[in-house]
């Protein structure tokens, strides 16, 4: 599992800054990060649809489809790839929050 720093009885973190999780649990957290970003894309698509902006609606729907494809390409056994992708998705989701 690599080197860890323990800050309390139940707070062990690997050097990558993410909680110690086994492979399946980390993949679940990674997958949920994609679900949250996908939800943001869908909210933006719905907002565009309500405004009658079909171009923006298509842009956000295409982004959601691309996200699903990207998520499928991430190796469920590659911790570093999952964390990098998850961190990028979380930053993007926060960035898009200003548009809602």
N, C-alpha and C. Protein backbone atom coordinates (compact mmCIF):
# COMPACT_ATOMS: atom_id res chain seq x y z
N UNK A 1 0.81 -1.20 0.00
CA UNK A 1 0.00 0.00 0.00
C UNK A 1 0.86 1.26 0.00
N UNK A 2 2.14 1.15 0.18
CA UNK A 2 2.99 2.32 0.14
C UNK A 2 3.14 2.97 1.49
N UNK A 3 3.96 4.00 1.52
CA UNK A 3 4.19 4.73 2.76
C UNK A 3 2.95 5.48 3.18
N UNK A 4 2.75 5.53 4.50
CA UNK A 4 1.60 6.27 5.03
C UNK A 4 2.06 7.21 6.12
N UNK A 5 1.26 8.22 6.35
CA UNK A 5 1.46 9.13 7.46
C UNK A 5 0.22 9.01 8.32
N UNK A 6 0.40 8.70 9.60
CA UNK A 6 -0.75 8.56 10.48
C UNK A 6 -0.86 9.81 11.33
N UNK A 7 -2.03 10.47 11.26
CA UNK A 7 -2.26 11.70 12.01
C UNK A 7 -3.19 11.48 13.19
N UNK A 8 -3.76 10.34 13.31
CA UNK A 8 -4.66 10.02 14.41
C UNK A 8 -4.98 8.54 14.38
N UNK A 9 -5.74 8.10 15.34
CA UNK A 9 -6.02 6.67 15.46
C UNK A 9 -6.63 6.09 14.20
N UNK A 10 -7.49 6.84 13.51
CA UNK A 10 -8.18 6.32 12.34
C UNK A 10 -7.84 7.09 11.07
N UNK A 11 -6.82 7.93 11.09
CA UNK A 11 -6.52 8.80 9.96
C UNK A 11 -5.22 8.40 9.29
N UNK A 12 -5.21 7.37 8.51
CA UNK A 12 -4.01 6.97 7.78
C UNK A 12 -4.18 7.38 6.33
N UNK A 13 -3.20 8.09 5.78
CA UNK A 13 -3.26 8.56 4.40
C UNK A 13 -1.99 8.16 3.67
N UNK A 14 -2.13 7.66 2.45
CA UNK A 14 -0.94 7.41 1.64
C UNK A 14 -0.35 8.75 1.20
N UNK A 15 0.82 8.72 0.65
CA UNK A 15 1.46 9.96 0.23
C UNK A 15 0.69 10.71 -0.84
N UNK A 16 -0.20 10.04 -1.57
CA UNK A 16 -0.97 10.73 -2.61
C UNK A 16 -2.10 11.56 -2.01
N UNK A 17 -2.29 11.54 -0.70
CA UNK A 17 -3.27 12.39 -0.05
C UNK A 17 -4.68 11.84 -0.02
N UNK A 18 -4.89 10.65 -0.53
CA UNK A 18 -6.22 10.06 -0.54
C UNK A 18 -6.32 8.99 0.54
N UNK A 19 -7.49 8.86 1.16
CA UNK A 19 -7.63 7.86 2.22
C UNK A 19 -7.24 6.48 1.74
N UNK A 20 -6.73 5.72 2.65
CA UNK A 20 -6.39 4.34 2.33
C UNK A 20 -7.67 3.58 2.04
N UNK A 21 -7.79 3.15 0.84
CA UNK A 21 -8.94 2.37 0.41
C UNK A 21 -8.43 1.19 -0.38
N UNK A 22 -9.11 0.07 -0.26
CA UNK A 22 -8.71 -1.04 -1.10
C UNK A 22 -9.11 -0.72 -2.54
N UNK A 23 -8.70 -1.55 -3.47
CA UNK A 23 -8.94 -1.27 -4.88
C UNK A 23 -10.39 -1.06 -5.23
N UNK A 24 -11.27 -1.89 -4.69
CA UNK A 24 -12.70 -1.77 -5.01
C UNK A 24 -13.29 -0.49 -4.43
N UNK A 25 -12.92 -0.15 -3.21
CA UNK A 25 -13.47 1.06 -2.59
C UNK A 25 -12.97 2.31 -3.31
N UNK A 26 -11.70 2.34 -3.68
CA UNK A 26 -11.19 3.49 -4.42
C UNK A 26 -11.91 3.61 -5.75
N UNK A 27 -12.11 2.49 -6.43
CA UNK A 27 -12.80 2.54 -7.71
C UNK A 27 -14.22 3.07 -7.53
N UNK A 28 -14.89 2.71 -6.46
CA UNK A 28 -16.24 3.24 -6.19
C UNK A 28 -16.21 4.75 -6.02
N UNK A 29 -15.23 5.26 -5.30
CA UNK A 29 -15.10 6.71 -5.09
C UNK A 29 -14.80 7.40 -6.42
N UNK A 30 -13.90 6.81 -7.20
CA UNK A 30 -13.57 7.32 -8.53
C UNK A 30 -14.83 7.36 -9.40
N UNK A 31 -15.56 6.25 -9.41
CA UNK A 31 -16.75 6.16 -10.26
C UNK A 31 -17.78 7.22 -9.87
N UNK A 32 -17.94 7.42 -8.57
CA UNK A 32 -18.89 8.42 -8.07
C UNK A 32 -18.48 9.83 -8.47
N UNK A 33 -17.18 10.10 -8.52
CA UNK A 33 -16.71 11.42 -8.98
C UNK A 33 -17.17 11.66 -10.41
N UNK A 34 -17.13 10.62 -11.24
CA UNK A 34 -17.63 10.73 -12.61
C UNK A 34 -19.13 10.94 -12.65
N UNK A 35 -19.85 10.25 -11.76
CA UNK A 35 -21.30 10.41 -11.69
C UNK A 35 -21.66 11.85 -11.31
N UNK A 36 -20.93 12.41 -10.38
CA UNK A 36 -21.21 13.79 -9.94
C UNK A 36 -20.93 14.78 -11.07
N UNK A 37 -19.82 14.60 -11.79
CA UNK A 37 -19.53 15.49 -12.92
C UNK A 37 -20.57 15.30 -14.01
N UNK A 38 -20.96 14.05 -14.28
CA UNK A 38 -22.00 13.80 -15.27
C UNK A 38 -23.31 14.47 -14.89
N UNK A 39 -23.63 14.48 -13.62
CA UNK A 39 -24.83 15.18 -13.16
C UNK A 39 -24.75 16.67 -13.41
N UNK A 40 -23.56 17.22 -13.24
CA UNK A 40 -23.36 18.65 -13.51
C UNK A 40 -23.57 18.93 -15.00
N UNK A 41 -23.01 18.06 -15.85
CA UNK A 41 -23.21 18.23 -17.30
C UNK A 41 -24.69 18.16 -17.66
N UNK A 42 -25.41 17.23 -17.04
CA UNK A 42 -26.84 17.09 -17.35
C UNK A 42 -27.62 18.30 -16.85
N UNK A 43 -27.26 18.83 -15.70
CA UNK A 43 -27.93 20.03 -15.20
C UNK A 43 -27.71 21.21 -16.15
N UNK A 44 -26.51 21.31 -16.69
CA UNK A 44 -26.21 22.38 -17.65
C UNK A 44 -26.95 22.15 -18.96
N UNK A 45 -27.07 20.89 -19.39
CA UNK A 45 -27.84 20.58 -20.60
C UNK A 45 -29.30 20.93 -20.40
N UNK A 46 -29.85 20.61 -19.23
CA UNK A 46 -31.24 20.94 -18.94
C UNK A 46 -31.47 22.45 -18.88
N UNK A 47 -30.51 23.15 -18.32
CA UNK A 47 -30.60 24.62 -18.25
C UNK A 47 -30.59 25.20 -19.67
N UNK A 48 -29.71 24.69 -20.52
CA UNK A 48 -29.63 25.16 -21.90
C UNK A 48 -30.92 24.85 -22.65
N UNK A 49 -31.46 23.66 -22.43
CA UNK A 49 -32.71 23.28 -23.08
C UNK A 49 -33.84 24.23 -22.67
N UNK A 50 -33.92 24.53 -21.38
CA UNK A 50 -34.97 25.42 -20.89
C UNK A 50 -34.84 26.83 -21.48
N UNK A 51 -33.59 27.21 -21.79
CA UNK A 51 -33.35 28.52 -22.38
C UNK A 51 -33.49 28.50 -23.90
N UNK A 52 -33.74 27.32 -24.46
CA UNK A 52 -33.87 27.19 -25.91
C UNK A 52 -32.55 27.23 -26.65
N UNK A 53 -31.46 26.99 -25.95
CA UNK A 53 -30.12 27.04 -26.54
C UNK A 53 -29.70 25.62 -26.93
N UNK A 54 -30.09 25.19 -28.11
CA UNK A 54 -29.83 23.82 -28.54
C UNK A 54 -28.33 23.55 -28.73
N UNK A 55 -27.58 24.56 -29.11
CA UNK A 55 -26.13 24.38 -29.28
C UNK A 55 -25.46 24.07 -27.94
N UNK A 56 -25.80 24.83 -26.92
CA UNK A 56 -25.23 24.58 -25.59
C UNK A 56 -25.72 23.25 -25.03
N UNK A 57 -26.98 22.94 -25.27
CA UNK A 57 -27.52 21.66 -24.81
C UNK A 57 -26.72 20.51 -25.41
N UNK A 58 -26.44 20.57 -26.71
CA UNK A 58 -25.66 19.52 -27.37
C UNK A 58 -24.24 19.47 -26.82
N UNK A 59 -23.65 20.62 -26.56
CA UNK A 59 -22.30 20.67 -25.99
C UNK A 59 -22.23 19.91 -24.68
N UNK A 60 -23.20 20.14 -23.79
CA UNK A 60 -23.17 19.49 -22.47
C UNK A 60 -23.53 18.01 -22.57
N UNK A 61 -24.42 17.65 -23.47
CA UNK A 61 -24.74 16.23 -23.67
C UNK A 61 -23.52 15.49 -24.22
N UNK A 62 -22.83 16.12 -25.18
CA UNK A 62 -21.61 15.52 -25.73
C UNK A 62 -20.54 15.36 -24.65
N UNK A 63 -20.44 16.34 -23.75
CA UNK A 63 -19.48 16.25 -22.65
C UNK A 63 -19.81 15.06 -21.74
N UNK A 64 -21.09 14.83 -21.49
CA UNK A 64 -21.52 13.71 -20.64
C UNK A 64 -21.17 12.38 -21.31
N UNK A 65 -21.36 12.30 -22.61
CA UNK A 65 -21.03 11.08 -23.35
C UNK A 65 -19.52 10.83 -23.33
N UNK A 66 -18.74 11.89 -23.54
CA UNK A 66 -17.28 11.77 -23.50
C UNK A 66 -16.81 11.35 -22.11
N UNK A 67 -17.45 11.85 -21.08
CA UNK A 67 -17.11 11.47 -19.71
C UNK A 67 -17.33 9.98 -19.50
N UNK A 68 -18.45 9.47 -19.96
CA UNK A 68 -18.72 8.04 -19.83
C UNK A 68 -17.65 7.21 -20.55
N UNK A 69 -17.25 7.67 -21.72
CA UNK A 69 -16.20 6.94 -22.46
C UNK A 69 -14.87 6.99 -21.71
N UNK A 70 -14.55 8.17 -21.19
CA UNK A 70 -13.29 8.31 -20.44
C UNK A 70 -13.29 7.41 -19.22
N UNK A 71 -14.41 7.36 -18.52
CA UNK A 71 -14.49 6.54 -17.32
C UNK A 71 -14.28 5.06 -17.67
N UNK A 72 -14.82 4.62 -18.78
CA UNK A 72 -14.65 3.23 -19.20
C UNK A 72 -13.19 2.90 -19.52
N UNK A 73 -12.42 3.90 -19.92
CA UNK A 73 -11.02 3.68 -20.31
C UNK A 73 -10.06 3.63 -19.12
N UNK A 74 -10.51 4.03 -17.95
CA UNK A 74 -9.64 4.01 -16.77
C UNK A 74 -9.54 2.60 -16.22
N UNK A 75 -8.33 2.15 -16.05
CA UNK A 75 -8.06 0.81 -15.54
C UNK A 75 -8.49 0.71 -14.08
N UNK A 76 -9.40 -0.21 -13.75
CA UNK A 76 -9.87 -0.32 -12.37
C UNK A 76 -8.79 -0.79 -11.39
N UNK A 77 -7.63 -1.19 -11.89
CA UNK A 77 -6.53 -1.62 -11.03
C UNK A 77 -5.38 -0.60 -11.00
N UNK A 78 -5.58 0.55 -11.63
CA UNK A 78 -4.53 1.58 -11.69
C UNK A 78 -4.88 2.72 -10.74
N UNK A 79 -4.40 2.64 -9.52
CA UNK A 79 -4.71 3.63 -8.49
C UNK A 79 -4.32 5.04 -8.92
N UNK A 80 -3.13 5.21 -9.47
CA UNK A 80 -2.66 6.55 -9.86
C UNK A 80 -3.55 7.15 -10.95
N UNK A 81 -3.94 6.35 -11.92
CA UNK A 81 -4.81 6.84 -12.99
C UNK A 81 -6.18 7.23 -12.44
N UNK A 82 -6.71 6.43 -11.54
CA UNK A 82 -8.00 6.75 -10.93
C UNK A 82 -7.94 8.06 -10.16
N UNK A 83 -6.90 8.25 -9.37
CA UNK A 83 -6.77 9.45 -8.55
C UNK A 83 -6.58 10.68 -9.43
N UNK A 84 -5.72 10.58 -10.44
CA UNK A 84 -5.50 11.73 -11.34
C UNK A 84 -6.80 12.12 -12.03
N UNK A 85 -7.52 11.15 -12.52
CA UNK A 85 -8.78 11.42 -13.22
C UNK A 85 -9.81 11.98 -12.27
N UNK A 86 -9.93 11.39 -11.10
CA UNK A 86 -10.89 11.84 -10.10
C UNK A 86 -10.60 13.28 -9.66
N UNK A 87 -9.34 13.60 -9.43
CA UNK A 87 -8.98 14.97 -9.04
C UNK A 87 -9.33 15.97 -10.14
N UNK A 88 -9.06 15.60 -11.39
CA UNK A 88 -9.39 16.47 -12.53
C UNK A 88 -10.90 16.66 -12.65
N UNK A 89 -11.65 15.57 -12.50
CA UNK A 89 -13.10 15.66 -12.59
C UNK A 89 -13.68 16.53 -11.47
N UNK A 90 -13.17 16.35 -10.25
CA UNK A 90 -13.68 17.14 -9.13
C UNK A 90 -13.40 18.62 -9.34
N UNK A 91 -12.24 18.96 -9.87
CA UNK A 91 -11.91 20.36 -10.15
C UNK A 91 -12.84 20.90 -11.24
N UNK A 92 -13.09 20.13 -12.26
CA UNK A 92 -13.98 20.55 -13.35
C UNK A 92 -15.41 20.76 -12.84
N UNK A 93 -15.88 19.85 -12.00
CA UNK A 93 -17.23 19.98 -11.44
C UNK A 93 -17.36 21.26 -10.64
N UNK A 94 -16.37 21.57 -9.83
CA UNK A 94 -16.39 22.81 -9.04
C UNK A 94 -16.38 24.03 -9.95
N UNK A 95 -15.57 23.96 -10.99
CA UNK A 95 -15.48 25.05 -11.95
C UNK A 95 -16.84 25.31 -12.63
N UNK A 96 -17.53 24.25 -12.99
CA UNK A 96 -18.80 24.38 -13.68
C UNK A 96 -19.93 24.82 -12.77
N UNK A 97 -19.75 24.70 -11.47
CA UNK A 97 -20.78 25.13 -10.53
C UNK A 97 -21.16 26.58 -10.70
N UNK A 98 -20.23 27.39 -11.12
CA UNK A 98 -20.49 28.82 -11.33
C UNK A 98 -21.47 29.06 -12.47
N UNK A 99 -21.65 28.09 -13.35
CA UNK A 99 -22.54 28.26 -14.49
C UNK A 99 -23.99 27.92 -14.17
N UNK A 100 -24.22 27.35 -13.02
CA UNK A 100 -25.59 26.96 -12.66
C UNK A 100 -26.28 28.04 -11.83
